[in-house]
Amino acid sequence: MSADDAKPSRRRFIANAAALAATGLGATELFAQGTPAPPPQGGWDMSWVDRVQRAKHRQVFDAPGMAEGMALTNAVVWLNGYSEVYKTIDADMAVVLVFRHKGLPVALNDDMWARLKLGDDDKLKDPTTGEPTKRNPFVNLKAGDKNLMTFPDGGVDSLIARGAIVLCCNLALMRHAGALAKAEGIPREKAQQAMIDSVLPGVIRMPSGVFATSRAEEAGCLFMRSS
């Protein structure tokens, strides 16, 4: 690209910066006024942002730790509270859960929980047997389970079925890939693919949990730390 080719982009950047300075508006306010976000690059699925912006009520629960499923519990309590007070239905609500850092395992399947012993550090119990869990204790929950860490309808799969948007951090996913490669003596590339394949159906990978939380807030979500 020549210097002359770059001039229009520089002019647009300067004009946009001047507009921001003149109005005092940040990205959240501009998006709310209908200013479009830049188109996504690199193959990331950002379709969830449109779902958030169509909803009447919007909340993001940031989960950097598992915290016995606190983000899941908070999501159910939030949905139920609005339903009780305002008679909302799920279609009115945008609930976004972001599992990042040490909270990532909530978004992974039973196979990866067993392979990496993901319940050991937090001493989590299997909700059915009460024994140290070798599976993800936050999916496939049943009302008869005696060791639930959230509501019976508060599993990741149940919330996704209700329309919840569940995002996970790719940076944390790749860190776990390093641990998997070391534990099983497999190439890092194979471990990375295994981690990607272990993400629960319906969970959307984001470049990072920090990005996911920020983008949800820009789309109009209120923020709640949930760990």
C-alpha atoms as a PDB file:
ATOM      1  CA  MET A   1       0.000   0.000   0.000  1.00  0.00           C
ATOM      2  CA  SER A   2       1.338   3.440  -0.945  1.00  0.00           C
ATOM      3  CA  ALA A   3       1.325   6.454   1.330  1.00  0.00           C
ATOM      4  CA  ASP A   4      -1.418   7.988  -0.804  1.00  0.00           C
ATOM      5  CA  ASP A   5      -3.561   4.829  -0.454  1.00  0.00           C
ATOM      6  CA  ALA A   6      -3.314   5.035   3.314  1.00  0.00           C
ATOM      7  CA  LYS A   7      -4.431   8.668   3.534  1.00  0.00           C
ATOM      8  CA  PRO A   8      -8.214   8.010   3.406  1.00  0.00           C
ATOM      9  CA  SER A   9      -7.917   5.499   6.272  1.00  0.00           C
ATOM     10  CA  ARG A  10      -5.919   7.983   8.310  1.00  0.00           C
ATOM     11  CA  ARG A  11      -8.473  10.693   7.583  1.00  0.00           C
ATOM     12  CA  ARG A  12     -11.319   8.424   8.681  1.00  0.00           C
ATOM     13  CA  PHE A  13      -9.448   7.521  11.867  1.00  0.00           C
ATOM     14  CA  ILE A  14      -8.823  11.184  12.683  1.00  0.00           C
ATOM     15  CA  ALA A  15     -12.428  12.085  11.900  1.00  0.00           C
ATOM     16  CA  ASN A  16     -13.762   9.273  14.108  1.00  0.00           C
ATOM     17  CA  ALA A  17     -11.446  10.231  16.936  1.00  0.00           C
ATOM     18  CA  ALA A  18     -12.564  13.847  16.659  1.00  0.00           C
ATOM     19  CA  ALA A  19     -16.211  12.769  16.736  1.00  0.00           C
ATOM     20  CA  LEU A  20     -15.642  10.749  19.871  1.00  0.00           C
ATOM     21  CA  ALA A  21     -13.844  13.635  21.536  1.00  0.00           C
ATOM     22  CA  ALA A  22     -16.541  16.107  20.542  1.00  0.00           C
ATOM     23  CA  THR A  23     -19.452  13.983  21.748  1.00  0.00           C
ATOM     24  CA  GLY A  24     -17.807  12.448  24.781  1.00  0.00           C
ATOM     25  CA  LEU A  25     -19.395   9.126  23.819  1.00  0.00           C
ATOM     26  CA  GLY A  26     -17.685   5.775  24.171  1.00  0.00           C
ATOM     27  CA  ALA A  27     -18.231   2.615  22.145  1.00  0.00           C
ATOM     28  CA  THR A  28     -21.221   1.490  24.228  1.00  0.00           C
ATOM     29  CA  GLU A  29     -23.125   4.720  23.637  1.00  0.00           C
ATOM     30  CA  LEU A  30     -22.257   4.835  19.943  1.00  0.00           C
ATOM     31  CA  PHE A  31     -23.404   1.243  19.381  1.00  0.00           C
ATOM     32  CA  ALA A  32     -26.612   2.060  21.252  1.00  0.00           C
ATOM     33  CA  GLN A  33     -27.216   4.934  18.832  1.00  0.00           C
ATOM     34  CA  GLY A  34     -26.924   2.588  15.880  1.00  0.00           C
ATOM     35  CA  THR A  35     -23.268   3.090  14.950  1.00  0.00           C
ATOM     36  CA  PRO A  36     -22.252  -0.311  13.528  1.00  0.00           C
ATOM     37  CA  ALA A  37     -19.372  -2.258  15.000  1.00  0.00           C
ATOM     38  CA  PRO A  38     -16.549  -3.232  12.641  1.00  0.00           C
ATOM     39  CA  PRO A  39     -17.244  -6.537  10.871  1.00  0.00           C
ATOM     40  CA  PRO A  40     -15.691  -9.552  12.628  1.00  0.00           C
ATOM     41  CA  GLN A  41     -12.476 -10.985  11.201  1.00  0.00           C
ATOM     42  CA  GLY A  42     -10.693 -14.309  11.572  1.00  0.00           C
ATOM     43  CA  GLY A  43     -13.738 -16.570  11.571  1.00  0.00           C
ATOM     44  CA  TRP A  44     -15.014 -15.722  15.051  1.00  0.00           C
ATOM     45  CA  ASP A  45     -18.766 -16.215  15.507  1.00  0.00           C
ATOM     46  CA  MET A  46     -20.160 -12.841  16.631  1.00  0.00           C
ATOM     47  CA  SER A  47     -23.797 -13.563  15.745  1.00  0.00           C
ATOM     48  CA  TRP A  48     -24.624 -13.644  19.465  1.00  0.00           C
ATOM     49  CA  VAL A  49     -24.195  -9.861  19.652  1.00  0.00           C
ATOM     50  CA  ASP A  50     -27.305  -9.350  17.509  1.00  0.00           C
ATOM     51  CA  ARG A  51     -29.275 -11.598  19.852  1.00  0.00           C
ATOM     52  CA  VAL A  52     -28.177  -9.507  22.811  1.00  0.00           C
ATOM     53  CA  GLN A  53     -29.116  -6.231  21.162  1.00  0.00           C
ATOM     54  CA  ARG A  54     -32.619  -7.455  20.300  1.00  0.00           C
ATOM     55  CA  ALA A  55     -33.431  -8.330  23.928  1.00  0.00           C
ATOM     56  CA  LYS A  56     -35.244  -6.054  26.368  1.00  0.00           C
ATOM     57  CA  HIS A  57     -33.069  -6.994  29.353  1.00  0.00           C
ATOM     58  CA  ARG A  58     -29.347  -7.793  29.122  1.00  0.00           C
ATOM     59  CA  GLN A  59     -26.880  -9.157  31.655  1.00  0.00           C
ATOM     60  CA  VAL A  60     -23.390 -10.654  31.421  1.00  0.00           C
ATOM     61  CA  PHE A  61     -22.052 -12.936  34.146  1.00  0.00           C
ATOM     62  CA  ASP A  62     -18.249 -13.028  34.169  1.00  0.00           C
ATOM     63  CA  ALA A  63     -16.880 -16.335  35.532  1.00  0.00           C
ATOM     64  CA  PRO A  64     -13.075 -16.426  35.915  1.00  0.00           C
ATOM     65  CA  GLY A  65     -13.506 -19.279  38.401  1.00  0.00           C
ATOM     66  CA  MET A  66     -15.884 -22.233  38.692  1.00  0.00           C
ATOM     67  CA  ALA A  67     -17.048 -21.157  42.170  1.00  0.00           C
ATOM     68  CA  GLU A  68     -19.394 -24.166  42.361  1.00  0.00           C
ATOM     69  CA  GLY A  69     -21.349 -22.903  39.359  1.00  0.00           C
ATOM     70  CA  MET A  70     -22.085 -19.432  40.728  1.00  0.00           C
ATOM     71  CA  ALA A  71     -22.495 -17.937  37.237  1.00  0.00           C
ATOM     72  CA  LEU A  72     -25.100 -20.575  36.378  1.00  0.00           C
ATOM     73  CA  THR A  73     -26.959 -20.001  39.631  1.00  0.00           C
ATOM     74  CA  ASN A  74     -26.881 -16.232  39.126  1.00  0.00           C
ATOM     75  CA  ALA A  75     -28.254 -16.615  35.606  1.00  0.00           C
ATOM     76  CA  VAL A  76     -31.232 -18.681  36.800  1.00  0.00           C
ATOM     77  CA  VAL A  77     -31.936 -16.277  39.674  1.00  0.00           C
ATOM     78  CA  TRP A  78     -31.784 -13.314  37.260  1.00  0.00           C
ATOM     79  CA  LEU A  79     -34.171 -14.935  34.780  1.00  0.00           C
ATOM     80  CA  ASN A  80     -36.575 -16.004  37.523  1.00  0.00           C
ATOM     81  CA  GLY A  81     -36.552 -12.591  39.199  1.00  0.00           C
ATOM     82  CA  TYR A  82     -37.573 -10.731  36.064  1.00  0.00           C
ATOM     83  CA  SER A  83     -40.198 -13.345  35.303  1.00  0.00           C
ATOM     84  CA  GLU A  84     -41.690 -13.016  38.770  1.00  0.00           C
ATOM     85  CA  VAL A  85     -41.696  -9.209  38.875  1.00  0.00           C
ATOM     86  CA  TYR A  86     -42.283  -8.257  35.225  1.00  0.00           C
ATOM     87  CA  LYS A  87     -43.765 -11.479  33.792  1.00  0.00           C
ATOM     88  CA  THR A  88     -40.995 -11.663  31.198  1.00  0.00           C
ATOM     89  CA  ILE A  89     -40.414 -14.657  28.975  1.00  0.00           C
ATOM     90  CA  ASP A  90     -37.033 -16.044  27.957  1.00  0.00           C
ATOM     91  CA  ALA A  91     -37.264 -14.288  24.587  1.00  0.00           C
ATOM     92  CA  ASP A  92     -37.189 -10.932  26.415  1.00  0.00           C
ATOM     93  CA  MET A  93     -33.902 -11.753  28.091  1.00  0.00           C
ATOM     94  CA  ALA A  94     -30.267 -11.784  27.014  1.00  0.00           C
ATOM     95  CA  VAL A  95     -28.194 -13.677  29.543  1.00  0.00           C
ATOM     96  CA  VAL A  96     -24.522 -13.994  28.635  1.00  0.00           C
ATOM     97  CA  LEU A  97     -22.152 -16.231  30.591  1.00  0.00           C
ATOM     98  CA  VAL A  98     -18.404 -15.914  30.053  1.00  0.00           C
ATOM     99  CA  PHE A  99     -16.256 -18.798  31.278  1.00  0.00           C
ATOM    100  CA  ARG A 100     -12.599 -17.835  31.340  1.00  0.00           C
ATOM    101  CA  HIS A 101      -9.378 -18.443  33.265  1.00  0.00           C
ATOM    102  CA  LYS A 102     -10.096 -21.057  35.969  1.00  0.00           C
ATOM    103  CA  GLY A 103     -13.789 -21.030  35.100  1.00  0.00           C
ATOM    104  CA  LEU A 104     -13.206 -22.555  31.648  1.00  0.00           C
ATOM    105  CA  PRO A 105     -13.864 -26.208  32.658  1.00  0.00           C
ATOM    106  CA  VAL A 106     -17.570 -25.432  33.135  1.00  0.00           C
ATOM    107  CA  ALA A 107     -17.750 -25.194  29.328  1.00  0.00           C
ATOM    108  CA  LEU A 108     -15.980 -28.518  28.620  1.00  0.00           C
ATOM    109  CA  ASN A 109     -17.323 -32.037  28.120  1.00  0.00           C
ATOM    110  CA  ASP A 110     -17.124 -35.082  30.394  1.00  0.00           C
ATOM    111  CA  ASP A 111     -14.257 -36.635  28.442  1.00  0.00           C
ATOM    112  CA  MET A 112     -11.956 -33.676  29.052  1.00  0.00           C
ATOM    113  CA  TRP A 113     -12.969 -33.494  32.721  1.00  0.00           C
ATOM    114  CA  ALA A 114     -11.809 -37.114  33.084  1.00  0.00           C
ATOM    115  CA  ARG A 115      -8.624 -36.694  31.035  1.00  0.00           C
ATOM    116  CA  LEU A 116      -7.423 -33.584  32.888  1.00  0.00           C
ATOM    117  CA  LYS A 117      -9.002 -34.393  36.282  1.00  0.00           C
ATOM    118  CA  LEU A 118     -10.599 -30.960  36.211  1.00  0.00           C
ATOM    119  CA  GLY A 119     -12.608 -31.430  39.382  1.00  0.00           C
ATOM    120  CA  ASP A 120      -9.634 -32.238  41.597  1.00  0.00           C
ATOM    121  CA  ASP A 121      -8.414 -28.730  42.444  1.00  0.00           C
ATOM    122  CA  ASP A 122     -11.863 -27.543  43.553  1.00  0.00           C
ATOM    123  CA  LYS A 123     -12.718 -30.942  45.121  1.00  0.00           C
ATOM    124  CA  LEU A 124     -15.992 -31.032  43.208  1.00  0.00           C
ATOM    125  CA  LYS A 125     -18.445 -33.872  43.691  1.00  0.00           C
ATOM    126  CA  ASP A 126     -20.455 -35.810  41.146  1.00  0.00           C
ATOM    127  CA  PRO A 127     -24.026 -34.492  41.594  1.00  0.00           C
ATOM    128  CA  THR A 128     -25.483 -38.003  41.389  1.00  0.00           C
ATOM    129  CA  THR A 129     -23.019 -40.173  43.316  1.00  0.00           C
ATOM    130  CA  GLY A 130     -21.483 -37.634  45.668  1.00  0.00           C
ATOM    131  CA  GLU A 131     -18.036 -39.041  44.841  1.00  0.00           C
ATOM    132  CA  PRO A 132     -15.169 -36.903  43.497  1.00  0.00           C
ATOM    133  CA  THR A 133     -16.366 -36.058  40.017  1.00  0.00           C
ATOM    134  CA  LYS A 134     -14.810 -37.438  36.866  1.00  0.00           C
ATOM    135  CA  ARG A 135     -17.361 -35.649  34.702  1.00  0.00           C
ATOM    136  CA  ASN A 136     -18.646 -32.122  34.261  1.00  0.00           C
ATOM    137  CA  PRO A 137     -21.026 -31.618  37.207  1.00  0.00           C
ATOM    138  CA  PHE A 138     -22.649 -28.611  35.551  1.00  0.00           C
ATOM    139  CA  VAL A 139     -24.428 -30.437  32.691  1.00  0.00           C
ATOM    140  CA  ASN A 140     -27.119 -33.122  32.441  1.00  0.00           C
ATOM    141  CA  LEU A 141     -28.515 -32.262  35.862  1.00  0.00           C
ATOM    142  CA  LYS A 142     -31.554 -34.036  37.245  1.00  0.00           C
ATOM    143  CA  ALA A 143     -34.076 -32.949  39.866  1.00  0.00           C
ATOM    144  CA  GLY A 144     -33.315 -36.079  41.881  1.00  0.00           C
ATOM    145  CA  ASP A 145     -29.608 -35.336  42.201  1.00  0.00           C
ATOM    146  CA  LYS A 146     -28.617 -34.833  45.832  1.00  0.00           C
ATOM    147  CA  ASN A 147     -25.351 -32.948  45.361  1.00  0.00           C
ATOM    148  CA  LEU A 148     -26.346 -30.187  42.954  1.00  0.00           C
ATOM    149  CA  MET A 149     -24.203 -27.062  42.968  1.00  0.00           C
ATOM    150  CA  THR A 150     -26.841 -25.083  41.092  1.00  0.00           C
ATOM    151  CA  PHE A 151     -30.549 -25.415  40.289  1.00  0.00           C
ATOM    152  CA  PRO A 152     -31.725 -28.551  38.447  1.00  0.00           C
ATOM    153  CA  ASP A 153     -32.561 -26.289  35.483  1.00  0.00           C
ATOM    154  CA  GLY A 154     -29.280 -24.390  35.879  1.00  0.00           C
ATOM    155  CA  GLY A 155     -26.978 -26.645  33.911  1.00  0.00           C
ATOM    156  CA  VAL A 156     -25.043 -25.231  30.976  1.00  0.00           C
ATOM    157  CA  ASP A 157     -27.106 -27.313  28.551  1.00  0.00           C
ATOM    158  CA  SER A 158     -30.424 -26.310  30.152  1.00  0.00           C
ATOM    159  CA  LEU A 159     -29.578 -22.605  30.024  1.00  0.00           C
ATOM    160  CA  ILE A 160     -28.457 -22.816  26.386  1.00  0.00           C
ATOM    161  CA  ALA A 161     -31.785 -24.503  25.589  1.00  0.00           C
ATOM    162  CA  ARG A 162     -33.511 -21.474  27.163  1.00  0.00           C
ATOM    163  CA  GLY A 163     -31.567 -19.109  24.920  1.00  0.00           C
ATOM    164  CA  ALA A 164     -28.610 -18.239  27.137  1.00  0.00           C
ATOM    165  CA  ILE A 165     -25.428 -17.216  25.343  1.00  0.00           C
ATOM    166  CA  VAL A 166     -22.455 -19.114  26.736  1.00  0.00           C
ATOM    167  CA  LEU A 167     -18.984 -17.953  25.722  1.00  0.00           C
ATOM    168  CA  CYS A 168     -15.589 -19.443  26.565  1.00  0.00           C
ATOM    169  CA  CYS A 169     -12.054 -18.094  26.473  1.00  0.00           C
ATOM    170  CA  ASN A 170      -9.802 -19.472  23.740  1.00  0.00           C
ATOM    171  CA  LEU A 171      -6.676 -18.309  25.585  1.00  0.00           C
ATOM    172  CA  ALA A 172      -7.625 -20.462  28.564  1.00  0.00           C
ATOM    173  CA  LEU A 173      -8.506 -23.299  26.208  1.00  0.00           C
ATOM    174  CA  MET A 174      -5.035 -23.220  24.662  1.00  0.00           C
ATOM    175  CA  ARG A 175      -3.388 -23.109  28.103  1.00  0.00           C
ATOM    176  CA  HIS A 176      -5.262 -26.299  28.938  1.00  0.00           C
ATOM    177  CA  ALA A 177      -4.001 -27.736  25.645  1.00  0.00           C
ATOM    178  CA  GLY A 178      -0.463 -27.334  26.937  1.00  0.00           C
ATOM    179  CA  ALA A 179      -1.369 -29.260  30.081  1.00  0.00           C
ATOM    180  CA  LEU A 180      -3.050 -31.982  28.021  1.00  0.00           C
ATOM    181  CA  ALA A 181      -0.053 -32.334  25.688  1.00  0.00           C
ATOM    182  CA  LYS A 182       2.249 -32.758  28.677  1.00  0.00           C
ATOM    183  CA  ALA A 183      -0.053 -35.146  30.564  1.00  0.00           C
ATOM    184  CA  GLU A 184      -0.657 -37.454  27.593  1.00  0.00           C
ATOM    185  CA  GLY A 185       2.612 -37.020  25.707  1.00  0.00           C
ATOM    186  CA  ILE A 186       0.885 -35.883  22.524  1.00  0.00           C
ATOM    187  CA  PRO A 187       1.830 -33.118  20.047  1.00  0.00           C
ATOM    188  CA  ARG A 188       0.602 -29.680  21.062  1.00  0.00           C
ATOM    189  CA  GLU A 189      -1.361 -29.301  17.818  1.00  0.00           C
ATOM    190  CA  LYS A 190      -3.264 -32.513  18.565  1.00  0.00           C
ATOM    191  CA  ALA A 191      -3.934 -31.340  22.105  1.00  0.00           C
ATOM    192  CA  GLN A 192      -5.199 -27.996  20.848  1.00  0.00           C
ATOM    193  CA  GLN A 193      -7.691 -29.697  18.538  1.00  0.00           C
ATOM    194  CA  ALA A 194      -8.782 -32.014  21.336  1.00  0.00           C
ATOM    195  CA  MET A 195      -9.494 -29.001  23.538  1.00  0.00           C
ATOM    196  CA  ILE A 196     -11.501 -27.298  20.800  1.00  0.00           C
ATOM    197  CA  ASP A 197     -13.473 -30.509  20.281  1.00  0.00           C
ATOM    198  CA  SER A 198     -14.181 -30.719  24.009  1.00  0.00           C
ATOM    199  CA  VAL A 199     -16.178 -27.476  24.114  1.00  0.00           C
ATOM    200  CA  LEU A 200     -19.811 -28.253  24.931  1.00  0.00           C
ATOM    201  CA  PRO A 201     -22.382 -28.007  22.120  1.00  0.00           C
ATOM    202  CA  GLY A 202     -23.771 -24.502  21.860  1.00  0.00           C
ATOM    203  CA  VAL A 203     -20.836 -22.831  23.642  1.00  0.00           C
ATOM    204  CA  ILE A 204     -19.134 -20.188  21.498  1.00  0.00           C
ATOM    205  CA  ARG A 205     -15.368 -19.705  21.587  1.00  0.00           C
ATOM    206  CA  MET A 206     -14.094 -16.147  21.816  1.00  0.00           C
ATOM    207  CA  PRO A 207     -10.490 -14.926  21.431  1.00  0.00           C
ATOM    208  CA  SER A 208     -10.433 -14.241  25.160  1.00  0.00           C
ATOM    209  CA  GLY A 209     -12.862 -13.996  28.036  1.00  0.00           C
ATOM    210  CA  VAL A 210     -11.827 -10.384  28.542  1.00  0.00           C
ATOM    211  CA  PHE A 211     -12.873  -9.573  24.972  1.00  0.00           C
ATOM    212  CA  ALA A 212     -16.129 -11.506  25.353  1.00  0.00           C
ATOM    213  CA  THR A 213     -17.112  -9.676  28.520  1.00  0.00           C
ATOM    214  CA  SER A 214     -16.215  -6.292  27.063  1.00  0.00           C
ATOM    215  CA  ARG A 215     -18.151  -6.957  23.850  1.00  0.00           C
ATOM    216  CA  ALA A 216     -21.211  -8.045  25.822  1.00  0.00           C
ATOM    217  CA  GLU A 217     -21.077  -4.783  27.766  1.00  0.00           C
ATOM    218  CA  GLU A 218     -20.757  -2.792  24.539  1.00  0.00           C
ATOM    219  CA  ALA A 219     -23.874  -4.582  23.308  1.00  0.00           C
ATOM    220  CA  GLY A 220     -25.754  -3.240  26.315  1.00  0.00           C
ATOM    221  CA  CYS A 221     -25.286  -5.878  29.011  1.00  0.00           C
ATOM    222  CA  LEU A 222     -24.954  -4.959  32.652  1.00  0.00           C
ATOM    223  CA  PHE A 223     -21.958  -6.625  34.290  1.00  0.00           C
ATOM    224  CA  MET A 224     -21.841  -9.012  37.244  1.00  0.00           C
ATOM    225  CA  ARG A 225     -18.748 -10.843  38.499  1.00  0.00           C
ATOM    226  CA  SER A 226     -19.708 -14.430  39.268  1.00  0.00           C
ATOM    227  CA  SER A 227     -16.853 -16.179  41.041  1.00  0.00           C
END
